[in-house]
Amino acid sequence: MTPQQRDRNVSRARRITGAVAGVSLAACGLFAGLAASATRHVAVTTTTKKATTTSAAPTTTTQPTTTTQATTTTTVAPVVVAPAQTQPVASSGGS
């Protein structure tokens, strides 16, 4: 192998290594951005309640009337992650 061939092989290896490093750096940045934006998500819970009111008429000629109205309440709760305690792992090989 001549010195010129060796130099070409070394420069080819440097270009390939640089391309792999650039792609891995871009992927790392992408996943870091996704992980950082995941902390901004919130859980949304929607509950529906029915409110019922009954009114009786003062006279006996009319029937009591019932009015039903649906009420919607939206609750936004932040997601909280609490790490759980685990038992320590023994690193010695004793019995």
PDB file of N, CA and C in Angstrom:
ATOM      1  N   MET A   1       0.854  -1.172   0.000  1.00  0.00           N
ATOM      2  CA  MET A   1       0.000   0.000   0.000  1.00  0.00           C
ATOM      3  C   MET A   1       0.900   1.235   0.000  1.00  0.00           C
ATOM      4  N   THR A   2       0.624   2.132  -0.910  1.00  0.00           N
ATOM      5  CA  THR A   2       1.419   3.349  -1.024  1.00  0.00           C
ATOM      6  C   THR A   2       0.917   4.380  -0.011  1.00  0.00           C
ATOM      7  N   PRO A   3       1.718   5.348   0.293  1.00  0.00           N
ATOM      8  CA  PRO A   3       1.280   6.391   1.229  1.00  0.00           C
ATOM      9  C   PRO A   3       0.072   7.170   0.716  1.00  0.00           C
ATOM     10  N   GLN A   4      -0.060   7.326  -0.610  1.00  0.00           N
ATOM     11  CA  GLN A   4      -1.216   8.032  -1.147  1.00  0.00           C
ATOM     12  C   GLN A   4      -2.506   7.242  -0.920  1.00  0.00           C
ATOM     13  N   GLN A   5      -2.453   5.933  -1.100  1.00  0.00           N
ATOM     14  CA  GLN A   5      -3.637   5.102  -0.849  1.00  0.00           C
ATOM     15  C   GLN A   5      -4.013   5.140   0.634  1.00  0.00           C
ATOM     16  N   ARG A   6      -3.001   5.083   1.484  1.00  0.00           N
ATOM     17  CA  ARG A   6      -3.263   5.153   2.919  1.00  0.00           C
ATOM     18  C   ARG A   6      -3.926   6.482   3.282  1.00  0.00           C
ATOM     19  N   ASP A   7      -3.448   7.565   2.728  1.00  0.00           N
ATOM     20  CA  ASP A   7      -4.031   8.880   3.009  1.00  0.00           C
ATOM     21  C   ASP A   7      -5.476   8.963   2.521  1.00  0.00           C
ATOM     22  N   ARG A   8      -5.747   8.387   1.327  1.00  0.00           N
ATOM     23  CA  ARG A   8      -7.132   8.375   0.828  1.00  0.00           C
ATOM     24  C   ARG A   8      -8.037   7.559   1.751  1.00  0.00           C
ATOM     25  N   ASN A   9      -7.555   6.415   2.226  1.00  0.00           N
ATOM     26  CA  ASN A   9      -8.347   5.586   3.126  1.00  0.00           C
ATOM     27  C   ASN A   9      -8.618   6.298   4.457  1.00  0.00           C
ATOM     28  N   VAL A  10      -7.605   6.993   4.951  1.00  0.00           N
ATOM     29  CA  VAL A  10      -7.776   7.727   6.212  1.00  0.00           C
ATOM     30  C   VAL A  10      -8.784   8.869   6.028  1.00  0.00           C
ATOM     31  N   SER A  11      -8.692   9.586   4.920  1.00  0.00           N
ATOM     32  CA  SER A  11      -9.641  10.686   4.701  1.00  0.00           C
ATOM     33  C   SER A  11     -11.053  10.146   4.483  1.00  0.00           C
ATOM     34  N   ARG A  12     -11.186   8.994   3.817  1.00  0.00           N
ATOM     35  CA  ARG A  12     -12.499   8.366   3.640  1.00  0.00           C
ATOM     36  C   ARG A  12     -13.069   7.952   5.007  1.00  0.00           C
ATOM     37  N   ALA A  13     -12.241   7.394   5.858  1.00  0.00           N
ATOM     38  CA  ALA A  13     -12.690   6.999   7.200  1.00  0.00           C
ATOM     39  C   ALA A  13     -13.102   8.229   8.014  1.00  0.00           C
ATOM     40  N   ARG A  14     -12.381   9.323   7.864  1.00  0.00           N
ATOM     41  CA  ARG A  14     -12.750  10.555   8.582  1.00  0.00           C
ATOM     42  C   ARG A  14     -14.088  11.102   8.106  1.00  0.00           C
ATOM     43  N   ARG A  15     -14.333  11.063   6.781  1.00  0.00           N
ATOM     44  CA  ARG A  15     -15.614  11.548   6.259  1.00  0.00           C
ATOM     45  C   ARG A  15     -16.773  10.682   6.755  1.00  0.00           C
ATOM     46  N   ILE A  16     -16.582   9.364   6.729  1.00  0.00           N
ATOM     47  CA  ILE A  16     -17.638   8.459   7.204  1.00  0.00           C
ATOM     48  C   ILE A  16     -17.887   8.670   8.695  1.00  0.00           C
ATOM     49  N   THR A  17     -16.812   8.794   9.471  1.00  0.00           N
ATOM     50  CA  THR A  17     -16.950   9.023  10.916  1.00  0.00           C
ATOM     51  C   THR A  17     -17.642  10.351  11.185  1.00  0.00           C
ATOM     52  N   GLY A  18     -17.313  11.375  10.431  1.00  0.00           N
ATOM     53  CA  GLY A  18     -17.961  12.677  10.604  1.00  0.00           C
ATOM     54  C   GLY A  18     -19.439  12.632  10.257  1.00  0.00           C
ATOM     55  N   ALA A  19     -19.792  11.895   9.196  1.00  0.00           N
ATOM     56  CA  ALA A  19     -21.204  11.773   8.814  1.00  0.00           C
ATOM     57  C   ALA A  19     -21.988  11.025   9.882  1.00  0.00           C
ATOM     58  N   VAL A  20     -21.427   9.941  10.410  1.00  0.00           N
ATOM     59  CA  VAL A  20     -22.099   9.184  11.467  1.00  0.00           C
ATOM     60  C   VAL A  20     -22.251  10.044  12.724  1.00  0.00           C
ATOM     61  N   ALA A  21     -21.232  10.804  13.071  1.00  0.00           N
ATOM     62  CA  ALA A  21     -21.309  11.671  14.247  1.00  0.00           C
ATOM     63  C   ALA A  21     -22.366  12.756  14.055  1.00  0.00           C
ATOM     64  N   GLY A  22     -22.467  13.312  12.856  1.00  0.00           N
ATOM     65  CA  GLY A  22     -23.481  14.342  12.599  1.00  0.00           C
ATOM     66  C   GLY A  22     -24.891  13.802  12.694  1.00  0.00           C
ATOM     67  N   VAL A  23     -25.110  12.614  12.137  1.00  0.00           N
ATOM     68  CA  VAL A  23     -26.443  12.001  12.210  1.00  0.00           C
ATOM     69  C   VAL A  23     -26.800  11.663  13.645  1.00  0.00           C
ATOM     70  N   SER A  24     -25.862  11.124  14.402  1.00  0.00           N
ATOM     71  CA  SER A  24     -26.152  10.774  15.790  1.00  0.00           C
ATOM     72  C   SER A  24     -26.388  12.019  16.640  1.00  0.00           C
ATOM     73  N   LEU A  25     -25.684  13.100  16.367  1.00  0.00           N
ATOM     74  CA  LEU A  25     -25.902  14.347  17.088  1.00  0.00           C
ATOM     75  C   LEU A  25     -27.281  14.921  16.775  1.00  0.00           C
ATOM     76  N   ALA A  26     -27.697  14.852  15.525  1.00  0.00           N
ATOM     77  CA  ALA A  26     -29.029  15.337  15.154  1.00  0.00           C
ATOM     78  C   ALA A  26     -30.126  14.496  15.815  1.00  0.00           C
ATOM     79  N   ALA A  27     -29.951  13.183  15.841  1.00  0.00           N
ATOM     80  CA  ALA A  27     -30.938  12.308  16.481  1.00  0.00           C
ATOM     81  C   ALA A  27     -30.998  12.572  17.976  1.00  0.00           C
ATOM     82  N   CYS A  28     -29.863  12.788  18.595  1.00  0.00           N
ATOM     83  CA  CYS A  28     -29.818  13.087  20.030  1.00  0.00           C
ATOM     84  C   CYS A  28     -30.540  14.401  20.311  1.00  0.00           C
ATOM     85  N   GLY A  29     -30.321  15.401  19.496  1.00  0.00           N
ATOM     86  CA  GLY A  29     -31.011  16.686  19.668  1.00  0.00           C
ATOM     87  C   GLY A  29     -32.511  16.551  19.486  1.00  0.00           C
ATOM     88  N   LEU A  30     -32.927  15.749  18.514  1.00  0.00           N
ATOM     89  CA  LEU A  30     -34.354  15.521  18.286  1.00  0.00           C
ATOM     90  C   LEU A  30     -35.004  14.874  19.498  1.00  0.00           C
ATOM     91  N   PHE A  31     -34.403  13.805  20.018  1.00  0.00           N
ATOM     92  CA  PHE A  31     -34.982  13.113  21.164  1.00  0.00           C
ATOM     93  C   PHE A  31     -34.905  13.955  22.433  1.00  0.00           C
ATOM     94  N   ALA A  32     -33.892  14.774  22.587  1.00  0.00           N
ATOM     95  CA  ALA A  32     -33.822  15.673  23.742  1.00  0.00           C
ATOM     96  C   ALA A  32     -34.940  16.710  23.671  1.00  0.00           C
ATOM     97  N   GLY A  33     -35.228  17.210  22.485  1.00  0.00           N
ATOM     98  CA  GLY A  33     -36.339  18.155  22.326  1.00  0.00           C
ATOM     99  C   GLY A  33     -37.679  17.512  22.618  1.00  0.00           C
ATOM    100  N   LEU A  34     -37.870  16.281  22.169  1.00  0.00           N
ATOM    101  CA  LEU A  34     -39.115  15.575  22.462  1.00  0.00           C
ATOM    102  C   LEU A  34     -39.261  15.302  23.951  1.00  0.00           C
ATOM    103  N   ALA A  35     -38.186  14.933  24.609  1.00  0.00           N
ATOM    104  CA  ALA A  35     -38.249  14.674  26.048  1.00  0.00           C
ATOM    105  C   ALA A  35     -38.516  15.957  26.826  1.00  0.00           C
ATOM    106  N   ALA A  36     -37.958  17.064  26.385  1.00  0.00           N
ATOM    107  CA  ALA A  36     -38.185  18.330  27.077  1.00  0.00           C
ATOM    108  C   ALA A  36     -39.623  18.801  26.904  1.00  0.00           C
ATOM    109  N   SER A  37     -40.219  18.545  25.745  1.00  0.00           N
ATOM    110  CA  SER A  37     -41.592  18.992  25.538  1.00  0.00           C
ATOM    111  C   SER A  37     -42.597  18.045  26.190  1.00  0.00           C
ATOM    112  N   ALA A  38     -42.189  16.844  26.554  1.00  0.00           N
ATOM    113  CA  ALA A  38     -43.104  15.885  27.189  1.00  0.00           C
ATOM    114  C   ALA A  38     -43.492  16.330  28.589  1.00  0.00           C
ATOM    115  N   THR A  39     -42.702  17.180  29.240  1.00  0.00           N
ATOM    116  CA  THR A  39     -43.037  17.633  30.595  1.00  0.00           C
ATOM    117  C   THR A  39     -44.131  18.690  30.568  1.00  0.00           C
ATOM    118  N   ARG A  40     -44.484  19.215  29.416  1.00  0.00           N
ATOM    119  CA  ARG A  40     -45.500  20.267  29.327  1.00  0.00           C
ATOM    120  C   ARG A  40     -46.895  19.703  29.093  1.00  0.00           C
ATOM    121  N   HIS A  41     -47.034  18.395  28.950  1.00  0.00           N
ATOM    122  CA  HIS A  41     -48.337  17.794  28.700  1.00  0.00           C
ATOM    123  C   HIS A  41     -49.144  17.750  29.993  1.00  0.00           C
ATOM    124  N   VAL A  42     -50.437  17.922  29.908  1.00  0.00           N
ATOM    125  CA  VAL A  42     -51.321  17.844  31.061  1.00  0.00           C
ATOM    126  C   VAL A  42     -52.447  16.863  30.762  1.00  0.00           C
ATOM    127  N   ALA A  43     -52.980  16.294  31.824  1.00  0.00           N
ATOM    128  CA  ALA A  43     -54.109  15.379  31.669  1.00  0.00           C
ATOM    129  C   ALA A  43     -55.396  16.188  31.802  1.00  0.00           C
ATOM    130  N   VAL A  44     -56.360  15.951  30.930  1.00  0.00           N
ATOM    131  CA  VAL A  44     -57.628  16.664  30.952  1.00  0.00           C
ATOM    132  C   VAL A  44     -58.723  15.661  31.285  1.00  0.00           C
ATOM    133  N   THR A  45     -59.500  15.975  32.317  1.00  0.00           N
ATOM    134  CA  THR A  45     -60.606  15.122  32.724  1.00  0.00           C
ATOM    135  C   THR A  45     -61.885  15.929  32.604  1.00  0.00           C
ATOM    136  N   THR A  46     -62.885  15.379  31.939  1.00  0.00           N
ATOM    137  CA  THR A  46     -64.156  16.059  31.767  1.00  0.00           C
ATOM    138  C   THR A  46     -65.230  15.255  32.481  1.00  0.00           C
ATOM    139  N   THR A  47     -65.984  15.931  33.328  1.00  0.00           N
ATOM    140  CA  THR A  47     -67.085  15.281  34.031  1.00  0.00           C
ATOM    141  C   THR A  47     -68.372  16.014  33.688  1.00  0.00           C
ATOM    142  N   THR A  48     -69.469  15.283  33.656  1.00  0.00           N
ATOM    143  CA  THR A  48     -70.766  15.871  33.355  1.00  0.00           C
ATOM    144  C   THR A  48     -71.704  15.565  34.511  1.00  0.00           C
ATOM    145  N   LYS A  49     -72.362  16.602  35.026  1.00  0.00           N
ATOM    146  CA  LYS A  49     -73.323  16.461  36.114  1.00  0.00           C
ATOM    147  C   LYS A  49     -74.673  16.967  35.623  1.00  0.00           C
ATOM    148  N   LYS A  50     -75.730  16.372  36.113  1.00  0.00           N
ATOM    149  CA  LYS A  50     -77.065  16.861  35.775  1.00  0.00           C
ATOM    150  C   LYS A  50     -77.645  17.554  36.999  1.00  0.00           C
ATOM    151  N   ALA A  51     -78.076  18.781  36.799  1.00  0.00           N
ATOM    152  CA  ALA A  51     -78.716  19.536  37.867  1.00  0.00           C
ATOM    153  C   ALA A  51     -80.216  19.484  37.637  1.00  0.00           C
ATOM    154  N   THR A  52     -80.944  19.058  38.651  1.00  0.00           N
ATOM    155  CA  THR A  52     -82.398  18.925  38.531  1.00  0.00           C
ATOM    156  C   THR A  52     -83.065  19.838  39.548  1.00  0.00           C
ATOM    157  N   THR A  53     -84.001  20.630  39.070  1.00  0.00           N
ATOM    158  CA  THR A  53     -84.782  21.489  39.975  1.00  0.00           C
ATOM    159  C   THR A  53     -86.253  21.166  39.780  1.00  0.00           C
ATOM    160  N   THR A  54     -86.969  21.128  40.879  1.00  0.00           N
ATOM    161  CA  THR A  54     -88.401  20.850  40.828  1.00  0.00           C
ATOM    162  C   THR A  54     -89.123  22.020  41.481  1.00  0.00           C
ATOM    163  N   SER A  55     -90.156  22.515  40.799  1.00  0.00           N
ATOM    164  CA  SER A  55     -90.941  23.601  41.371  1.00  0.00           C
ATOM    165  C   SER A  55     -92.402  23.162  41.397  1.00  0.00           C
ATOM    166  N   ALA A  56     -93.021  23.323  42.551  1.00  0.00           N
ATOM    167  CA  ALA A  56     -94.435  22.959  42.697  1.00  0.00           C
ATOM    168  C   ALA A  56     -95.274  24.220  42.569  1.00  0.00           C
ATOM    169  N   ALA A  57     -96.356  24.097  41.862  1.00  0.00           N
ATOM    170  CA  ALA A  57     -97.249  25.243  41.670  1.00  0.00           C
ATOM    171  C   ALA A  57     -98.073  25.450  42.942  1.00  0.00           C
ATOM    172  N   PRO A  58     -98.435  26.689  43.287  1.00  0.00           N
ATOM    173  CA  PRO A  58     -99.189  26.945  44.505  1.00  0.00           C
ATOM    174  C   PRO A  58    -100.639  26.483  44.418  1.00  0.00           C
ATOM    175  N   THR A  59    -101.135  26.252  43.230  1.00  0.00           N
ATOM    176  CA  THR A  59    -102.525  25.809  43.108  1.00  0.00           C
ATOM    177  C   THR A  59    -102.568  24.353  42.696  1.00  0.00           C
ATOM    178  N   THR A  60    -103.688  23.714  42.842  1.00  0.00           N
ATOM    179  CA  THR A  60    -103.819  22.300  42.518  1.00  0.00           C
ATOM    180  C   THR A  60    -104.202  22.078  41.065  1.00  0.00           C
ATOM    181  N   THR A  61    -104.443  23.122  40.315  1.00  0.00           N
ATOM    182  CA  THR A  61    -104.859  22.960  38.921  1.00  0.00           C
ATOM    183  C   THR A  61    -103.681  22.739  37.982  1.00  0.00           C
ATOM    184  N   THR A  62    -102.461  23.089  38.386  1.00  0.00           N
ATOM    185  CA  THR A  62    -101.295  22.899  37.519  1.00  0.00           C
ATOM    186  C   THR A  62    -100.410  21.796  38.089  1.00  0.00           C
ATOM    187  N   GLN A  63     -99.694  21.115  37.208  1.00  0.00           N
ATOM    188  CA  GLN A  63     -98.809  20.026  37.605  1.00  0.00           C
ATOM    189  C   GLN A  63     -97.436  20.603  37.973  1.00  0.00           C
ATOM    190  N   PRO A  64     -96.716  19.941  38.872  1.00  0.00           N
ATOM    191  CA  PRO A  64     -95.343  20.389  39.167  1.00  0.00           C
ATOM    192  C   PRO A  64     -94.469  20.245  37.914  1.00  0.00           C
ATOM    193  N   THR A  65     -93.535  21.162  37.721  1.00  0.00           N
ATOM    194  CA  THR A  65     -92.653  21.121  36.559  1.00  0.00           C
ATOM    195  C   THR A  65     -91.241  20.759  36.999  1.00  0.00           C
ATOM    196  N   THR A  66     -90.566  20.001  36.172  1.00  0.00           N
ATOM    197  CA  THR A  66     -89.196  19.593  36.461  1.00  0.00           C
ATOM    198  C   THR A  66     -88.311  20.087  35.314  1.00  0.00           C
ATOM    199  N   THR A  67     -87.214  20.746  35.681  1.00  0.00           N
ATOM    200  CA  THR A  67     -86.264  21.256  34.694  1.00  0.00           C
ATOM    201  C   THR A  67     -84.933  20.551  34.894  1.00  0.00           C
ATOM    202  N   THR A  68     -84.382  19.981  33.828  1.00  0.00           N
ATOM    203  CA  THR A  68     -83.085  19.310  33.895  1.00  0.00           C
ATOM    204  C   THR A  68     -82.109  20.081  33.022  1.00  0.00           C
ATOM    205  N   GLN A  69     -80.947  20.379  33.608  1.00  0.00           N
ATOM    206  CA  GLN A  69     -79.925  21.146  32.899  1.00  0.00           C
ATOM    207  C   GLN A  69     -78.597  20.417  33.067  1.00  0.00           C
ATOM    208  N   ALA A  70     -77.900  20.185  31.970  1.00  0.00           N
ATOM    209  CA  ALA A  70     -76.604  19.511  32.021  1.00  0.00           C
ATOM    210  C   ALA A  70     -75.508  20.538  32.253  1.00  0.00           C
ATOM    211  N   THR A  71     -74.620  20.223  33.188  1.00  0.00           N
ATOM    212  CA  THR A  71     -73.498  21.095  33.508  1.00  0.00           C
ATOM    213  C   THR A  71     -72.211  20.331  33.222  1.00  0.00           C
ATOM    214  N   THR A  72     -71.304  20.935  32.475  1.00  0.00           N
ATOM    215  CA  THR A  72     -70.037  20.294  32.141  1.00  0.00           C
ATOM    216  C   THR A  72     -68.915  21.026  32.857  1.00  0.00           C
ATOM    217  N   THR A  73     -68.083  20.238  33.551  1.00  0.00           N
ATOM    218  CA  THR A  73     -66.947  20.792  34.277  1.00  0.00           C
ATOM    219  C   THR A  73     -65.682  20.170  33.713  1.00  0.00           C
ATOM    220  N   THR A  74     -64.709  20.988  33.368  1.00  0.00           N
ATOM    221  CA  THR A  74     -63.437  20.498  32.850  1.00  0.00           C
ATOM    222  C   THR A  74     -62.356  20.790  33.876  1.00  0.00           C
ATOM    223  N   THR A  75     -61.635  19.734  34.245  1.00  0.00           N
ATOM    224  CA  THR A  75     -60.569  19.855  35.229  1.00  0.00           C
ATOM    225  C   THR A  75     -59.252  19.532  34.542  1.00  0.00           C
ATOM    226  N   VAL A  76     -58.276  20.410  34.670  1.00  0.00           N
ATOM    227  CA  VAL A  76     -56.955  20.192  34.087  1.00  0.00           C
ATOM    228  C   VAL A  76     -55.992  19.952  35.232  1.00  0.00           C
ATOM    229  N   ALA A  77     -55.415  18.756  35.254  1.00  0.00           N
ATOM    230  CA  ALA A  77     -54.489  18.385  36.321  1.00  0.00           C
ATOM    231  C   ALA A  77     -53.108  18.151  35.726  1.00  0.00           C
ATOM    232  N   PRO A  78     -52.060  18.708  36.339  1.00  0.00           N
ATOM    233  CA  PRO A  78     -50.710  18.440  35.827  1.00  0.00           C
ATOM    234  C   PRO A  78     -50.299  17.002  36.135  1.00  0.00           C
ATOM    235  N   VAL A  79     -49.460  16.451  35.290  1.00  0.00           N
ATOM    236  CA  VAL A  79     -48.974  15.092  35.492  1.00  0.00           C
ATOM    237  C   VAL A  79     -47.756  15.159  36.401  1.00  0.00           C
ATOM    238  N   VAL A  80     -47.827  14.425  37.509  1.00  0.00           N
ATOM    239  CA  VAL A  80     -46.730  14.417  38.475  1.00  0.00           C
ATOM    240  C   VAL A  80     -46.181  12.997  38.549  1.00  0.00           C
ATOM    241  N   VAL A  81     -44.888  12.868  38.394  1.00  0.00           N
ATOM    242  CA  VAL A  81     -44.245  11.565  38.462  1.00  0.00           C
ATOM    243  C   VAL A  81     -43.385  11.538  39.710  1.00  0.00           C
ATOM    244  N   ALA A  82     -43.678  10.581  40.600  1.00  0.00           N
ATOM    245  CA  ALA A  82     -42.902  10.440  41.825  1.00  0.00           C
ATOM    246  C   ALA A  82     -42.084   9.155  41.730  1.00  0.00           C
ATOM    247  N   PRO A  83     -40.760   9.238  41.892  1.00  0.00           N
ATOM    248  CA  PRO A  83     -39.945   8.021  41.820  1.00  0.00           C
ATOM    249  C   PRO A  83     -40.217   7.128  43.025  1.00  0.00           C
ATOM    250  N   ALA A  84     -40.226   5.839  42.795  1.00  0.00           N
ATOM    251  CA  ALA A  84     -40.482   4.887  43.868  1.00  0.00           C
ATOM    252  C   ALA A  84     -39.165   4.450  44.497  1.00  0.00           C
ATOM    253  N   GLN A  85     -39.211   4.207  45.795  1.00  0.00           N
ATOM    254  CA  GLN A  85     -38.035   3.720  46.506  1.00  0.00           C
ATOM    255  C   GLN A  85     -37.844   2.241  46.183  1.00  0.00           C
ATOM    256  N   THR A  86     -36.619   1.841  45.940  1.00  0.00           N
ATOM    257  CA  THR A  86     -36.317   0.436  45.685  1.00  0.00           C
ATOM    258  C   THR A  86     -35.253  -0.019  46.660  1.00  0.00           C
ATOM    259  N   GLN A  87     -35.178  -1.321  46.838  1.00  0.00           N
ATOM    260  CA  GLN A  87     -34.172  -1.897  47.730  1.00  0.00           C
ATOM    261  C   GLN A  87     -32.800  -1.794  47.073  1.00  0.00           C
ATOM    262  N   PRO A  88     -31.763  -1.559  47.872  1.00  0.00           N
ATOM    263  CA  PRO A  88     -30.423  -1.493  47.280  1.00  0.00           C
ATOM    264  C   PRO A  88     -30.005  -2.858  46.755  1.00  0.00           C
ATOM    265  N   VAL A  89     -29.173  -2.834  45.734  1.00  0.00           N
ATOM    266  CA  VAL A  89     -28.677  -4.052  45.109  1.00  0.00           C
ATOM    267  C   VAL A  89     -27.286  -4.337  45.675  1.00  0.00           C
ATOM    268  N   ALA A  90     -27.109  -5.545  46.185  1.00  0.00           N
ATOM    269  CA  ALA A  90     -25.814  -5.909  46.751  1.00  0.00           C
ATOM    270  C   ALA A  90     -24.815  -6.114  45.620  1.00  0.00           C
ATOM    271  N   SER A  91     -23.659  -5.516  45.756  1.00  0.00           N
ATOM    272  CA  SER A  91     -22.662  -5.659  44.702  1.00  0.00           C
ATOM    273  C   SER A  91     -21.595  -6.678  45.065  1.00  0.00           C
ATOM    274  N   SER A  92     -21.581  -7.149  46.318  1.00  0.00           N
ATOM    275  CA  SER A  92     -20.571  -8.158  46.693  1.00  0.00           C
ATOM    276  C   SER A  92     -21.100  -9.547  46.360  1.00  0.00           C
ATOM    277  N   GLY A  93     -20.224 -10.478  46.175  1.00  0.00           N
ATOM    278  CA  GLY A  93     -20.610 -11.828  45.791  1.00  0.00           C
ATOM    279  C   GLY A  93     -20.801 -12.739  46.986  1.00  0.00           C
ATOM    280  N   GLY A  94     -20.867 -12.205  48.197  1.00  0.00           N
ATOM    281  CA  GLY A  94     -21.012 -13.042  49.391  1.00  0.00           C
ATOM    282  C   GLY A  94     -22.374 -13.703  49.472  1.00  0.00           C
ATOM    283  N   SER A  95     -22.481 -14.728  50.322  1.00  0.00           N
ATOM    284  CA  SER A  95     -23.751 -15.423  50.430  1.00  0.00           C
ATOM    285  C   SER A  95     -24.460 -15.146  51.724  1.00  0.00           C
TER     286      SER A  95
END
